[in-house]
Amino acid sequence: MTVRHYFLVLFIMFLFGSSYPINKLALNTSLTPVLAASLRMFILFVCLVPFCKFKIPNKKYYLPLAGFSFSMGFGVFIFLNLSLQKATMVAPIIIGAQLAIPFAILASSLFLGEKVTPKMWVLIFISFFGIFLIGYDPNLKSEIFAIFLCAISAFFYGVANVFSRYIKDIDVKLTNTVMGFTGFILLFLFSIFFEGNTVYQLLNIDFYTWLLLLHNGVMVSVIAHTSLFYLYKFYSVNKIMPFYSLFPVFGLILTFFIFGEIPTLLSAIGGLIIIFSVYRLQKIR
């Protein structure tokens, strides 16, 4: 990998890591979590529409495209935002989100029949042991429900990964545009019916909150992911995937500087276990 591409992949992982503390800052305002998620999907949709060539896909892609759009556009972000809203600390959520990789492997094995080797099973077990270790930290008892919601978000990410394999022949801009639009509509309707005062909140979002939303909607969802697909043109997935283990590191560093969070010894050990096992799983994949 060239030096320029090394810096690019590090910048991408920095943006991915920044998503969690920045999202928490947005939710610390009066903005409700589901509305925040819907606006992120709306920003993604608006940014991709001008570059998308709309073409009705073959009927065989309808169901997996709908499944991908629902699981990624709705399932991942509604539970992620709910977990961040419930959490008093961001660090456990960043670490818990790493379960997306083990869930993706398990889902691929169940629905796609992909082989899971004994070594992978051991690493999956170790990663879940790490999250249980964090859950049993007496200093994080109030965070257990938030970590549970984060695990559901990670599960939906794993499911979305399976659906994405069925629609890999469709242009990625089209799939993400459809996902953004689907997620926006579903989340916005959910916000109206279950959060209430959605239009009032929407009209009263201040400039600072919009900047936070634009960071996650543009910098993370559009620029970071687009740059990642750019790198895939030069390198295999196995070459890029191990770098994913860096984004929780960047996220934890930013969380320290923004919120002053210092992980407890038990959560630090659990986090290292998860990051290491996920790193090894990505190397195997």
C-alpha atoms as a PDB file:
ATOM      1  CA  MET A   1       0.000   0.000   0.000  1.00  0.00           C
ATOM      2  CA  THR A   2       1.348   3.442  -0.931  1.00  0.00           C
ATOM      3  CA  VAL A   3       2.000   6.091   1.720  1.00  0.00           C
ATOM      4  CA  ARG A   4      -0.832   8.208   0.325  1.00  0.00           C
ATOM      5  CA  HIS A   5      -3.265   5.325   0.637  1.00  0.00           C
ATOM      6  CA  TYR A   6      -2.058   4.551   4.165  1.00  0.00           C
ATOM      7  CA  PHE A   7      -2.912   8.098   5.212  1.00  0.00           C
ATOM      8  CA  LEU A   8      -6.252   7.850   3.412  1.00  0.00           C
ATOM      9  CA  VAL A   9      -7.276   4.627   5.161  1.00  0.00           C
ATOM     10  CA  LEU A  10      -6.209   6.104   8.517  1.00  0.00           C
ATOM     11  CA  PHE A  11      -8.323   9.187   7.799  1.00  0.00           C
ATOM     12  CA  ILE A  12     -11.282   6.951   6.918  1.00  0.00           C
ATOM     13  CA  MET A  13     -10.952   5.049  10.197  1.00  0.00           C
ATOM     14  CA  PHE A  14     -10.664   8.349  12.059  1.00  0.00           C
ATOM     15  CA  LEU A  15     -13.958   9.473  10.519  1.00  0.00           C
ATOM     16  CA  PHE A  16     -15.614   6.149  11.396  1.00  0.00           C
ATOM     17  CA  GLY A  17     -14.377   6.481  14.981  1.00  0.00           C
ATOM     18  CA  SER A  18     -15.563  10.084  15.228  1.00  0.00           C
ATOM     19  CA  SER A  19     -19.122   9.051  14.363  1.00  0.00           C
ATOM     20  CA  TYR A  20     -19.905   7.831  17.899  1.00  0.00           C
ATOM     21  CA  PRO A  21     -18.815  10.807  20.038  1.00  0.00           C
ATOM     22  CA  ILE A  22     -20.167  13.276  17.466  1.00  0.00           C
ATOM     23  CA  ASN A  23     -23.474  11.406  17.427  1.00  0.00           C
ATOM     24  CA  LYS A  24     -23.566  11.542  21.227  1.00  0.00           C
ATOM     25  CA  LEU A  25     -22.985  15.309  21.134  1.00  0.00           C
ATOM     26  CA  ALA A  26     -25.970  15.672  18.787  1.00  0.00           C
ATOM     27  CA  LEU A  27     -28.149  13.571  21.073  1.00  0.00           C
ATOM     28  CA  ASN A  28     -27.082  15.634  24.084  1.00  0.00           C
ATOM     29  CA  THR A  29     -29.056  18.478  22.557  1.00  0.00           C
ATOM     30  CA  SER A  30     -32.856  18.397  22.491  1.00  0.00           C
ATOM     31  CA  LEU A  31     -32.776  16.223  19.351  1.00  0.00           C
ATOM     32  CA  THR A  32     -34.478  12.847  19.751  1.00  0.00           C
ATOM     33  CA  PRO A  33     -32.549   9.723  18.644  1.00  0.00           C
ATOM     34  CA  VAL A  34     -34.901   8.442  15.931  1.00  0.00           C
ATOM     35  CA  LEU A  35     -35.272  11.863  14.310  1.00  0.00           C
ATOM     36  CA  ALA A  36     -31.473  12.233  14.366  1.00  0.00           C
ATOM     37  CA  ALA A  37     -31.127   8.866  12.619  1.00  0.00           C
ATOM     38  CA  SER A  38     -33.737   9.812  10.005  1.00  0.00           C
ATOM     39  CA  LEU A  39     -31.939  13.076   9.221  1.00  0.00           C
ATOM     40  CA  ARG A  40     -28.654  11.220   8.797  1.00  0.00           C
ATOM     41  CA  MET A  41     -30.323   8.967   6.218  1.00  0.00           C
ATOM     42  CA  PHE A  42     -31.901  11.998   4.528  1.00  0.00           C
ATOM     43  CA  ILE A  43     -28.513  13.712   4.210  1.00  0.00           C
ATOM     44  CA  LEU A  44     -27.043  10.515   2.752  1.00  0.00           C
ATOM     45  CA  PHE A  45     -29.912  10.276   0.239  1.00  0.00           C
ATOM     46  CA  VAL A  46     -29.615  13.932  -0.845  1.00  0.00           C
ATOM     47  CA  CYS A  47     -25.844  13.621  -1.310  1.00  0.00           C
ATOM     48  CA  LEU A  48     -26.067  10.466  -3.447  1.00  0.00           C
ATOM     49  CA  VAL A  49     -29.076  11.288  -5.647  1.00  0.00           C
ATOM     50  CA  PRO A  50     -27.160  13.572  -8.075  1.00  0.00           C
ATOM     51  CA  PHE A  51     -24.603  10.812  -8.748  1.00  0.00           C
ATOM     52  CA  CYS A  52     -27.025   7.917  -8.987  1.00  0.00           C
ATOM     53  CA  LYS A  53     -28.203   6.465 -12.296  1.00  0.00           C
ATOM     54  CA  PHE A  54     -31.663   5.165 -11.548  1.00  0.00           C
ATOM     55  CA  LYS A  55     -32.398   1.835 -13.134  1.00  0.00           C
ATOM     56  CA  ILE A  56     -35.068  -0.601 -11.997  1.00  0.00           C
ATOM     57  CA  PRO A  57     -33.185  -3.726 -10.894  1.00  0.00           C
ATOM     58  CA  ASN A  58     -34.150  -7.272 -11.805  1.00  0.00           C
ATOM     59  CA  LYS A  59     -37.062  -8.676  -9.778  1.00  0.00           C
ATOM     60  CA  LYS A  60     -34.763 -11.177  -8.083  1.00  0.00           C
ATOM     61  CA  TYR A  61     -33.081  -8.262  -6.279  1.00  0.00           C
ATOM     62  CA  TYR A  62     -36.290  -6.739  -4.870  1.00  0.00           C
ATOM     63  CA  LEU A  63     -36.408  -8.746  -1.637  1.00  0.00           C
ATOM     64  CA  PRO A  64     -32.678  -8.601  -0.752  1.00  0.00           C
ATOM     65  CA  LEU A  65     -32.581  -4.872  -1.624  1.00  0.00           C
ATOM     66  CA  ALA A  66     -35.557  -4.272   0.663  1.00  0.00           C
ATOM     67  CA  GLY A  67     -33.924  -6.397   3.366  1.00  0.00           C
ATOM     68  CA  PHE A  68     -30.650  -4.492   3.066  1.00  0.00           C
ATOM     69  CA  SER A  69     -32.413  -1.121   3.108  1.00  0.00           C
ATOM     70  CA  PHE A  70     -34.454  -2.038   6.198  1.00  0.00           C
ATOM     71  CA  SER A  71     -31.670  -3.684   8.190  1.00  0.00           C
ATOM     72  CA  MET A  72     -29.005  -1.064   7.437  1.00  0.00           C
ATOM     73  CA  GLY A  73     -31.101   2.079   6.948  1.00  0.00           C
ATOM     74  CA  PHE A  74     -33.522   1.425   9.812  1.00  0.00           C
ATOM     75  CA  GLY A  75     -32.314  -1.370  12.122  1.00  0.00           C
ATOM     76  CA  VAL A  76     -28.678  -0.354  12.505  1.00  0.00           C
ATOM     77  CA  PHE A  77     -29.196   3.342  13.119  1.00  0.00           C
ATOM     78  CA  ILE A  78     -32.328   3.307  15.260  1.00  0.00           C
ATOM     79  CA  PHE A  79     -30.757   0.954  17.803  1.00  0.00           C
ATOM     80  CA  LEU A  80     -27.369   2.678  17.603  1.00  0.00           C
ATOM     81  CA  ASN A  81     -28.909   6.058  18.380  1.00  0.00           C
ATOM     82  CA  LEU A  82     -31.118   4.637  21.112  1.00  0.00           C
ATOM     83  CA  SER A  83     -28.069   3.022  22.702  1.00  0.00           C
ATOM     84  CA  LEU A  84     -26.124   6.298  22.577  1.00  0.00           C
ATOM     85  CA  GLN A  85     -29.055   8.155  24.101  1.00  0.00           C
ATOM     86  CA  LYS A  86     -29.354   5.672  26.977  1.00  0.00           C
ATOM     87  CA  ALA A  87     -25.591   5.508  27.572  1.00  0.00           C
ATOM     88  CA  THR A  88     -23.867   7.836  30.006  1.00  0.00           C
ATOM     89  CA  MET A  89     -20.521   6.691  28.596  1.00  0.00           C
ATOM     90  CA  VAL A  90     -19.708   6.396  24.890  1.00  0.00           C
ATOM     91  CA  ALA A  91     -16.721   4.043  25.179  1.00  0.00           C
ATOM     92  CA  PRO A  92     -18.735   0.848  25.884  1.00  0.00           C
ATOM     93  CA  ILE A  93     -20.926   1.567  22.835  1.00  0.00           C
ATOM     94  CA  ILE A  94     -17.885   1.981  20.591  1.00  0.00           C
ATOM     95  CA  ILE A  95     -16.514  -1.331  21.836  1.00  0.00           C
ATOM     96  CA  GLY A  96     -19.889  -3.102  21.647  1.00  0.00           C
ATOM     97  CA  ALA A  97     -20.339  -2.026  18.026  1.00  0.00           C
ATOM     98  CA  GLN A  98     -17.376  -4.271  17.140  1.00  0.00           C
ATOM     99  CA  LEU A  99     -19.702  -7.264  17.525  1.00  0.00           C
ATOM    100  CA  ALA A 100     -20.965  -6.424  14.032  1.00  0.00           C
ATOM    101  CA  ILE A 101     -18.138  -8.521  12.527  1.00  0.00           C
ATOM    102  CA  PRO A 102     -18.872 -11.723  14.525  1.00  0.00           C
ATOM    103  CA  PHE A 103     -22.591 -11.265  13.826  1.00  0.00           C
ATOM    104  CA  ALA A 104     -21.847 -10.836  10.108  1.00  0.00           C
ATOM    105  CA  ILE A 105     -19.834 -14.076  10.063  1.00  0.00           C
ATOM    106  CA  LEU A 106     -22.564 -15.976  11.931  1.00  0.00           C
ATOM    107  CA  ALA A 107     -25.269 -14.595   9.620  1.00  0.00           C
ATOM    108  CA  SER A 108     -23.196 -15.476   6.534  1.00  0.00           C
ATOM    109  CA  SER A 109     -22.794 -19.016   7.850  1.00  0.00           C
ATOM    110  CA  LEU A 110     -26.511 -19.377   8.583  1.00  0.00           C
ATOM    111  CA  PHE A 111     -27.971 -17.840   5.419  1.00  0.00           C
ATOM    112  CA  LEU A 112     -25.178 -18.171   2.841  1.00  0.00           C
ATOM    113  CA  GLY A 113     -23.723 -21.468   3.992  1.00  0.00           C
ATOM    114  CA  GLU A 114     -20.246 -19.988   4.327  1.00  0.00           C
ATOM    115  CA  LYS A 115     -17.852 -22.164   6.303  1.00  0.00           C
ATOM    116  CA  VAL A 116     -16.893 -21.070   9.806  1.00  0.00           C
ATOM    117  CA  THR A 117     -13.621 -22.718  10.794  1.00  0.00           C
ATOM    118  CA  PRO A 118     -12.912 -23.872  14.374  1.00  0.00           C
ATOM    119  CA  LYS A 119     -10.455 -20.966  14.737  1.00  0.00           C
ATOM    120  CA  MET A 120     -13.185 -18.507  13.751  1.00  0.00           C
ATOM    121  CA  TRP A 121     -15.614 -20.066  16.258  1.00  0.00           C
ATOM    122  CA  VAL A 122     -13.020 -19.592  19.004  1.00  0.00           C
ATOM    123  CA  LEU A 123     -12.485 -15.950  18.044  1.00  0.00           C
ATOM    124  CA  ILE A 124     -16.258 -15.336  17.903  1.00  0.00           C
ATOM    125  CA  PHE A 125     -16.636 -16.837  21.377  1.00  0.00           C
ATOM    126  CA  ILE A 126     -13.742 -14.697  22.650  1.00  0.00           C
ATOM    127  CA  SER A 127     -15.314 -11.516  21.217  1.00  0.00           C
ATOM    128  CA  PHE A 128     -18.635 -12.225  22.961  1.00  0.00           C
ATOM    129  CA  PHE A 129     -16.746 -13.037  26.162  1.00  0.00           C
ATOM    130  CA  GLY A 130     -15.217  -9.561  25.945  1.00  0.00           C
ATOM    131  CA  ILE A 131     -18.630  -7.897  25.810  1.00  0.00           C
ATOM    132  CA  PHE A 132     -19.871 -10.017  28.735  1.00  0.00           C
ATOM    133  CA  LEU A 133     -16.797  -8.927  30.670  1.00  0.00           C
ATOM    134  CA  ILE A 134     -17.719  -5.302  30.071  1.00  0.00           C
ATOM    135  CA  GLY A 135     -21.330  -6.011  31.045  1.00  0.00           C
ATOM    136  CA  TYR A 136     -20.219  -7.457  34.393  1.00  0.00           C
ATOM    137  CA  ASP A 137     -18.118  -4.402  35.225  1.00  0.00           C
ATOM    138  CA  PRO A 138     -19.762  -3.074  38.431  1.00  0.00           C
ATOM    139  CA  ASN A 139     -18.964   0.477  37.324  1.00  0.00           C
ATOM    140  CA  LEU A 140     -20.993  -0.015  34.147  1.00  0.00           C
ATOM    141  CA  LYS A 141     -24.180  -1.538  35.564  1.00  0.00           C
ATOM    142  CA  SER A 142     -26.168   1.467  34.363  1.00  0.00           C
ATOM    143  CA  GLU A 143     -24.822   0.907  30.826  1.00  0.00           C
ATOM    144  CA  ILE A 144     -26.034  -2.692  30.376  1.00  0.00           C
ATOM    145  CA  PHE A 145     -29.285  -1.762  28.583  1.00  0.00           C
ATOM    146  CA  ALA A 146     -27.401   0.636  26.282  1.00  0.00           C
ATOM    147  CA  ILE A 147     -24.868  -2.110  25.452  1.00  0.00           C
ATOM    148  CA  PHE A 148     -27.782  -4.485  24.759  1.00  0.00           C
ATOM    149  CA  LEU A 149     -29.290  -1.985  22.293  1.00  0.00           C
ATOM    150  CA  CYS A 150     -25.866  -1.584  20.687  1.00  0.00           C
ATOM    151  CA  ALA A 151     -25.638  -5.370  20.274  1.00  0.00           C
ATOM    152  CA  ILE A 152     -29.001  -5.341  18.440  1.00  0.00           C
ATOM    153  CA  SER A 153     -27.622  -2.639  16.130  1.00  0.00           C
ATOM    154  CA  ALA A 154     -24.553  -4.830  15.498  1.00  0.00           C
ATOM    155  CA  PHE A 155     -26.851  -7.778  14.760  1.00  0.00           C
ATOM    156  CA  PHE A 156     -28.718  -5.758  12.108  1.00  0.00           C
ATOM    157  CA  TYR A 157     -25.354  -4.774  10.615  1.00  0.00           C
ATOM    158  CA  GLY A 158     -24.500  -8.452  10.312  1.00  0.00           C
ATOM    159  CA  VAL A 159     -27.843  -9.157   8.629  1.00  0.00           C
ATOM    160  CA  ALA A 160     -27.305  -6.214   6.253  1.00  0.00           C
ATOM    161  CA  ASN A 161     -23.934  -7.705   5.349  1.00  0.00           C
ATOM    162  CA  VAL A 162     -25.700 -10.900   4.211  1.00  0.00           C
ATOM    163  CA  PHE A 163     -28.265  -9.016   2.133  1.00  0.00           C
ATOM    164  CA  SER A 164     -25.485  -6.955   0.536  1.00  0.00           C
ATOM    165  CA  ARG A 165     -23.956 -10.150  -0.829  1.00  0.00           C
ATOM    166  CA  TYR A 166     -27.166 -10.862  -2.773  1.00  0.00           C
ATOM    167  CA  ILE A 167     -27.185  -7.382  -4.366  1.00  0.00           C
ATOM    168  CA  LYS A 168     -23.453  -7.031  -5.070  1.00  0.00           C
ATOM    169  CA  ASP A 169     -24.134  -6.784  -8.823  1.00  0.00           C
ATOM    170  CA  ILE A 170     -26.220  -3.633  -8.360  1.00  0.00           C
ATOM    171  CA  ASP A 171     -24.409  -0.283  -8.480  1.00  0.00           C
ATOM    172  CA  VAL A 172     -23.390   0.612  -4.921  1.00  0.00           C
ATOM    173  CA  LYS A 173     -24.604   4.198  -5.332  1.00  0.00           C
ATOM    174  CA  LEU A 174     -28.081   2.939  -6.199  1.00  0.00           C
ATOM    175  CA  THR A 175     -28.241   0.514  -3.262  1.00  0.00           C
ATOM    176  CA  ASN A 176     -27.127   3.189  -0.802  1.00  0.00           C
ATOM    177  CA  THR A 177     -29.500   5.760  -2.279  1.00  0.00           C
ATOM    178  CA  VAL A 178     -32.415   3.352  -1.888  1.00  0.00           C
ATOM    179  CA  MET A 179     -31.197   2.487   1.611  1.00  0.00           C
ATOM    180  CA  GLY A 180     -30.958   6.166   2.566  1.00  0.00           C
ATOM    181  CA  PHE A 181     -34.437   6.944   1.258  1.00  0.00           C
ATOM    182  CA  THR A 182     -35.996   3.856   2.886  1.00  0.00           C
ATOM    183  CA  GLY A 183     -34.269   4.541   6.194  1.00  0.00           C
ATOM    184  CA  PHE A 184     -35.306   8.196   6.168  1.00  0.00           C
ATOM    185  CA  ILE A 185     -38.991   7.443   5.508  1.00  0.00           C
ATOM    186  CA  LEU A 186     -39.249   4.609   8.052  1.00  0.00           C
ATOM    187  CA  LEU A 187     -37.331   6.447  10.764  1.00  0.00           C
ATOM    188  CA  PHE A 188     -39.199   9.715  10.186  1.00  0.00           C
ATOM    189  CA  LEU A 189     -42.568   7.952  10.451  1.00  0.00           C
ATOM    190  CA  PHE A 190     -41.366   6.095  13.557  1.00  0.00           C
ATOM    191  CA  SER A 191     -40.329   9.425  15.067  1.00  0.00           C
ATOM    192  CA  ILE A 192     -43.733  10.964  14.341  1.00  0.00           C
ATOM    193  CA  PHE A 193     -45.694   8.122  15.915  1.00  0.00           C
ATOM    194  CA  PHE A 194     -43.453   7.256  18.869  1.00  0.00           C
ATOM    195  CA  GLU A 195     -41.414  10.366  19.707  1.00  0.00           C
ATOM    196  CA  GLY A 196     -43.928  13.077  18.860  1.00  0.00           C
ATOM    197  CA  ASN A 197     -43.398  16.777  18.101  1.00  0.00           C
ATOM    198  CA  THR A 198     -41.196  15.733  15.176  1.00  0.00           C
ATOM    199  CA  VAL A 199     -41.988  18.709  12.934  1.00  0.00           C
ATOM    200  CA  TYR A 200     -41.525  21.136  15.843  1.00  0.00           C
ATOM    201  CA  GLN A 201     -38.142  19.609  16.642  1.00  0.00           C
ATOM    202  CA  LEU A 202     -37.143  19.674  13.001  1.00  0.00           C
ATOM    203  CA  LEU A 203     -37.915  23.387  12.719  1.00  0.00           C
ATOM    204  CA  ASN A 204     -35.997  24.219  15.892  1.00  0.00           C
ATOM    205  CA  ILE A 205     -32.702  22.432  15.220  1.00  0.00           C
ATOM    206  CA  ASP A 206     -29.920  24.949  15.780  1.00  0.00           C
ATOM    207  CA  PHE A 207     -26.851  25.532  13.603  1.00  0.00           C
ATOM    208  CA  TYR A 208     -24.514  23.652  15.960  1.00  0.00           C
ATOM    209  CA  THR A 209     -26.688  20.511  15.851  1.00  0.00           C
ATOM    210  CA  TRP A 210     -26.939  20.685  12.057  1.00  0.00           C
ATOM    211  CA  LEU A 211     -23.124  20.739  11.872  1.00  0.00           C
ATOM    212  CA  LEU A 212     -22.975  17.581  13.984  1.00  0.00           C
ATOM    213  CA  LEU A 213     -25.593  15.898  11.789  1.00  0.00           C
ATOM    214  CA  LEU A 214     -23.780  16.962   8.621  1.00  0.00           C
ATOM    215  CA  HIS A 215     -20.542  15.505   9.945  1.00  0.00           C
ATOM    216  CA  ASN A 216     -22.073  12.045  10.294  1.00  0.00           C
ATOM    217  CA  GLY A 217     -24.252  12.351   7.200  1.00  0.00           C
ATOM    218  CA  VAL A 218     -21.625  13.768   4.824  1.00  0.00           C
ATOM    219  CA  MET A 219     -18.168  13.107   6.264  1.00  0.00           C
ATOM    220  CA  VAL A 220     -18.879   9.603   7.592  1.00  0.00           C
ATOM    221  CA  SER A 221     -21.742   8.144   5.542  1.00  0.00           C
ATOM    222  CA  VAL A 222     -20.680   9.661   2.202  1.00  0.00           C
ATOM    223  CA  ILE A 223     -17.004  10.677   2.121  1.00  0.00           C
ATOM    224  CA  ALA A 224     -15.583   7.915   4.347  1.00  0.00           C
ATOM    225  CA  HIS A 225     -17.543   5.133   2.643  1.00  0.00           C
ATOM    226  CA  THR A 226     -16.866   6.513  -0.851  1.00  0.00           C
ATOM    227  CA  SER A 227     -13.145   6.702  -0.079  1.00  0.00           C
ATOM    228  CA  LEU A 228     -13.270   3.124   1.165  1.00  0.00           C
ATOM    229  CA  PHE A 229     -14.785   1.931  -2.109  1.00  0.00           C
ATOM    230  CA  TYR A 230     -12.050   3.906  -3.902  1.00  0.00           C
ATOM    231  CA  LEU A 231      -9.390   1.910  -2.025  1.00  0.00           C
ATOM    232  CA  TYR A 232     -11.137  -1.362  -2.944  1.00  0.00           C
ATOM    233  CA  LYS A 233     -10.222  -0.586  -6.547  1.00  0.00           C
ATOM    234  CA  PHE A 234      -6.538  -1.030  -5.656  1.00  0.00           C
ATOM    235  CA  TYR A 235      -6.548  -3.532  -2.792  1.00  0.00           C
ATOM    236  CA  SER A 236      -8.411  -6.659  -1.770  1.00  0.00           C
ATOM    237  CA  VAL A 237     -10.979  -6.631   1.024  1.00  0.00           C
ATOM    238  CA  ASN A 238      -8.623  -8.725   3.167  1.00  0.00           C
ATOM    239  CA  LYS A 239      -5.997  -5.999   2.833  1.00  0.00           C
ATOM    240  CA  ILE A 240      -8.367  -3.259   4.021  1.00  0.00           C
ATOM    241  CA  MET A 241     -10.499  -5.050   6.623  1.00  0.00           C
ATOM    242  CA  PRO A 242      -7.798  -5.301   9.354  1.00  0.00           C
ATOM    243  CA  PHE A 243      -7.652  -1.493   9.453  1.00  0.00           C
ATOM    244  CA  TYR A 244     -11.231  -1.530  10.776  1.00  0.00           C
ATOM    245  CA  SER A 245      -9.772  -2.414  14.169  1.00  0.00           C
ATOM    246  CA  LEU A 246      -8.321   1.102  14.296  1.00  0.00           C
ATOM    247  CA  PHE A 247     -11.617   2.963  14.195  1.00  0.00           C
ATOM    248  CA  PRO A 248     -12.619   2.027  17.779  1.00  0.00           C
ATOM    249  CA  VAL A 249      -9.158   3.199  18.879  1.00  0.00           C
ATOM    250  CA  PHE A 250      -9.725   6.584  17.232  1.00  0.00           C
ATOM    251  CA  GLY A 251     -13.229   6.659  18.690  1.00  0.00           C
ATOM    252  CA  LEU A 252     -11.978   5.991  22.222  1.00  0.00           C
ATOM    253  CA  ILE A 253      -9.270   8.653  21.889  1.00  0.00           C
ATOM    254  CA  LEU A 254     -11.827  11.218  20.708  1.00  0.00           C
ATOM    255  CA  THR A 255     -14.199  10.189  23.488  1.00  0.00           C
ATOM    256  CA  PHE A 256     -11.442  10.884  26.006  1.00  0.00           C
ATOM    257  CA  PHE A 257     -10.777  14.357  24.601  1.00  0.00           C
ATOM    258  CA  ILE A 258     -14.449  15.304  24.124  1.00  0.00           C
ATOM    259  CA  PHE A 259     -16.051  13.767  27.226  1.00  0.00           C
ATOM    260  CA  GLY A 260     -13.041  13.052  29.413  1.00  0.00           C
ATOM    261  CA  GLU A 261     -13.948   9.355  29.603  1.00  0.00           C
ATOM    262  CA  ILE A 262     -11.338   6.985  31.001  1.00  0.00           C
ATOM    263  CA  PRO A 263     -12.300   3.296  30.622  1.00  0.00           C
ATOM    264  CA  THR A 264     -12.250   1.187  33.787  1.00  0.00           C
ATOM    265  CA  LEU A 265      -9.708  -1.639  34.019  1.00  0.00           C
ATOM    266  CA  LEU A 266     -12.324  -4.344  33.382  1.00  0.00           C
ATOM    267  CA  SER A 267     -13.872  -2.529  30.405  1.00  0.00           C
ATOM    268  CA  ALA A 268     -10.393  -1.830  28.994  1.00  0.00           C
ATOM    269  CA  ILE A 269      -9.516  -5.536  29.202  1.00  0.00           C
ATOM    270  CA  GLY A 270     -12.863  -6.484  27.628  1.00  0.00           C
ATOM    271  CA  GLY A 271     -12.375  -3.894  24.912  1.00  0.00           C
ATOM    272  CA  LEU A 272      -8.884  -5.151  24.071  1.00  0.00           C
ATOM    273  CA  ILE A 273     -10.213  -8.722  23.901  1.00  0.00           C
ATOM    274  CA  ILE A 274     -12.962  -7.685  21.476  1.00  0.00           C
ATOM    275  CA  ILE A 275     -10.706  -5.537  19.280  1.00  0.00           C
ATOM    276  CA  PHE A 276      -8.051  -8.271  19.109  1.00  0.00           C
ATOM    277  CA  SER A 277     -10.542 -11.045  18.276  1.00  0.00           C
ATOM    278  CA  VAL A 278     -12.292  -8.917  15.651  1.00  0.00           C
ATOM    279  CA  TYR A 279      -8.919  -8.009  14.132  1.00  0.00           C
ATOM    280  CA  ARG A 280      -8.021 -11.697  13.849  1.00  0.00           C
ATOM    281  CA  LEU A 281     -11.448 -12.509  12.375  1.00  0.00           C
ATOM    282  CA  GLN A 282     -10.993  -9.833   9.723  1.00  0.00           C
ATOM    283  CA  LYS A 283      -7.534 -11.203   8.873  1.00  0.00           C
ATOM    284  CA  ILE A 284      -9.041 -14.678   8.382  1.00  0.00           C
ATOM    285  CA  ARG A 285     -11.884 -13.345   6.227  1.00  0.00           C
END
